[in-house]
């Protein structure tokens, strides 16, 4: 897991073309105003799921892992 600030995205973009596309999407000036739902970035290869929800307390959540994809998360408001 990588935990960092968006200001450091350029460090991770060289990892893969798909990572670069995802991080470029997070740099959009209209990111905070996108409607909820799925947004295609590179067809089935890269997409964004814009969500709004109430997070759980630290002790109530569980860790997740992905074997077939990378999950890039960006919190625009609040904390998790």
C-alpha atoms as a PDB file:
ATOM      1  CA  UNK A   1       0.000   0.000   0.000  1.00  0.00           C
ATOM      2  CA  UNK A   2       1.111   3.513  -0.785  1.00  0.00           C
ATOM      3  CA  UNK A   3      -0.260   6.350   1.323  1.00  0.00           C
ATOM      4  CA  UNK A   4       0.722   9.769   0.023  1.00  0.00           C
ATOM      5  CA  UNK A   5      -0.548  13.178  -1.051  1.00  0.00           C
ATOM      6  CA  UNK A   6      -1.680  14.024  -4.595  1.00  0.00           C
ATOM      7  CA  UNK A   7       1.151  16.546  -4.790  1.00  0.00           C
ATOM      8  CA  UNK A   8       3.510  13.556  -5.074  1.00  0.00           C
ATOM      9  CA  UNK A   9       1.602  11.796  -7.889  1.00  0.00           C
ATOM     10  CA  UNK A  10       4.472  12.294 -10.332  1.00  0.00           C
ATOM     11  CA  UNK A  11       6.518   9.822  -8.279  1.00  0.00           C
ATOM     12  CA  UNK A  12       4.046   7.013  -9.032  1.00  0.00           C
ATOM     13  CA  UNK A  13       2.989   7.795 -12.613  1.00  0.00           C
ATOM     14  CA  UNK A  14       6.024   5.946 -14.076  1.00  0.00           C
ATOM     15  CA  UNK A  15       4.852   2.666 -12.500  1.00  0.00           C
ATOM     16  CA  UNK A  16       2.558   1.977 -15.472  1.00  0.00           C
ATOM     17  CA  UNK A  17       0.539   3.688 -18.186  1.00  0.00           C
ATOM     18  CA  UNK A  18      -2.655   2.810 -16.328  1.00  0.00           C
ATOM     19  CA  UNK A  19      -1.375   4.298 -13.080  1.00  0.00           C
ATOM     20  CA  UNK A  20      -0.421   7.445 -14.975  1.00  0.00           C
ATOM     21  CA  UNK A  21      -3.927   7.689 -16.486  1.00  0.00           C
ATOM     22  CA  UNK A  22      -5.561   7.270 -13.077  1.00  0.00           C
ATOM     23  CA  UNK A  23      -3.349   9.896 -11.480  1.00  0.00           C
ATOM     24  CA  UNK A  24      -3.924  12.331 -14.345  1.00  0.00           C
ATOM     25  CA  UNK A  25      -7.672  11.876 -13.818  1.00  0.00           C
ATOM     26  CA  UNK A  26      -7.226  12.894 -10.170  1.00  0.00           C
ATOM     27  CA  UNK A  27      -5.640  16.126 -11.378  1.00  0.00           C
ATOM     28  CA  UNK A  28      -8.818  17.259 -13.165  1.00  0.00           C
ATOM     29  CA  UNK A  29      -9.939  20.733 -12.081  1.00  0.00           C
ATOM     30  CA  UNK A  30     -13.588  19.564 -11.977  1.00  0.00           C
ATOM     31  CA  UNK A  31     -12.951  16.464  -9.849  1.00  0.00           C
ATOM     32  CA  UNK A  32     -14.995  17.715  -6.884  1.00  0.00           C
ATOM     33  CA  UNK A  33     -18.040  18.399  -9.072  1.00  0.00           C
ATOM     34  CA  UNK A  34     -18.216  15.113 -11.003  1.00  0.00           C
ATOM     35  CA  UNK A  35     -21.501  13.242 -10.607  1.00  0.00           C
ATOM     36  CA  UNK A  36     -21.541  10.034  -8.576  1.00  0.00           C
ATOM     37  CA  UNK A  37     -21.008   6.867 -10.541  1.00  0.00           C
ATOM     38  CA  UNK A  38     -18.552   5.234 -12.914  1.00  0.00           C
ATOM     39  CA  UNK A  39     -16.373   7.403 -15.149  1.00  0.00           C
ATOM     40  CA  UNK A  40     -14.395   5.782 -17.952  1.00  0.00           C
ATOM     41  CA  UNK A  41     -10.762   6.840 -18.185  1.00  0.00           C
ATOM     42  CA  UNK A  42      -9.335   4.166 -20.510  1.00  0.00           C
ATOM     43  CA  UNK A  43     -12.194   1.834 -21.362  1.00  0.00           C
ATOM     44  CA  UNK A  44     -12.254  -1.291 -19.207  1.00  0.00           C
ATOM     45  CA  UNK A  45      -8.604  -0.803 -18.300  1.00  0.00           C
ATOM     46  CA  UNK A  46      -9.021   2.245 -16.070  1.00  0.00           C
ATOM     47  CA  UNK A  47     -12.147   3.757 -14.572  1.00  0.00           C
ATOM     48  CA  UNK A  48     -13.113   5.911 -11.620  1.00  0.00           C
ATOM     49  CA  UNK A  49     -15.944   5.279  -9.200  1.00  0.00           C
ATOM     50  CA  UNK A  50     -17.050   8.581  -7.710  1.00  0.00           C
ATOM     51  CA  UNK A  51     -18.743   7.894  -4.377  1.00  0.00           C
ATOM     52  CA  UNK A  52     -20.090   9.717  -1.344  1.00  0.00           C
ATOM     53  CA  UNK A  53     -20.576   7.842   1.928  1.00  0.00           C
ATOM     54  CA  UNK A  54     -20.149   8.027   5.670  1.00  0.00           C
ATOM     55  CA  UNK A  55     -16.979   6.277   6.758  1.00  0.00           C
ATOM     56  CA  UNK A  56     -16.793   3.818   9.630  1.00  0.00           C
ATOM     57  CA  UNK A  57     -14.831   4.178  12.813  1.00  0.00           C
ATOM     58  CA  UNK A  58     -11.331   2.728  12.608  1.00  0.00           C
ATOM     59  CA  UNK A  59     -12.204  -0.397  14.611  1.00  0.00           C
ATOM     60  CA  UNK A  60     -15.246  -1.234  12.488  1.00  0.00           C
ATOM     61  CA  UNK A  61     -13.483  -1.472   9.125  1.00  0.00           C
ATOM     62  CA  UNK A  62     -11.347  -4.221   7.666  1.00  0.00           C
ATOM     63  CA  UNK A  63      -8.371  -4.176   5.342  1.00  0.00           C
ATOM     64  CA  UNK A  64      -8.885  -5.082   1.717  1.00  0.00           C
ATOM     65  CA  UNK A  65      -6.520  -6.438  -0.892  1.00  0.00           C
ATOM     66  CA  UNK A  66      -6.672  -6.689  -4.667  1.00  0.00           C
ATOM     67  CA  UNK A  67      -4.928  -9.284  -6.797  1.00  0.00           C
ATOM     68  CA  UNK A  68      -6.183  -8.302 -10.230  1.00  0.00           C
ATOM     69  CA  UNK A  69      -6.283  -4.539 -10.118  1.00  0.00           C
ATOM     70  CA  UNK A  70      -4.905  -1.457  -8.425  1.00  0.00           C
ATOM     71  CA  UNK A  71      -7.275   0.589  -6.307  1.00  0.00           C
ATOM     72  CA  UNK A  72      -6.309   4.276  -6.216  1.00  0.00           C
ATOM     73  CA  UNK A  73      -8.395   6.186  -3.692  1.00  0.00           C
ATOM     74  CA  UNK A  74      -8.598   9.930  -3.258  1.00  0.00           C
ATOM     75  CA  UNK A  75     -10.542  11.523  -0.422  1.00  0.00           C
ATOM     76  CA  UNK A  76     -11.705  15.009  -1.384  1.00  0.00           C
ATOM     77  CA  UNK A  77     -13.636  15.803   1.778  1.00  0.00           C
ATOM     78  CA  UNK A  78     -13.559  14.347   5.272  1.00  0.00           C
ATOM     79  CA  UNK A  79     -11.284  11.516   6.355  1.00  0.00           C
ATOM     80  CA  UNK A  80     -11.127   7.759   6.443  1.00  0.00           C
END
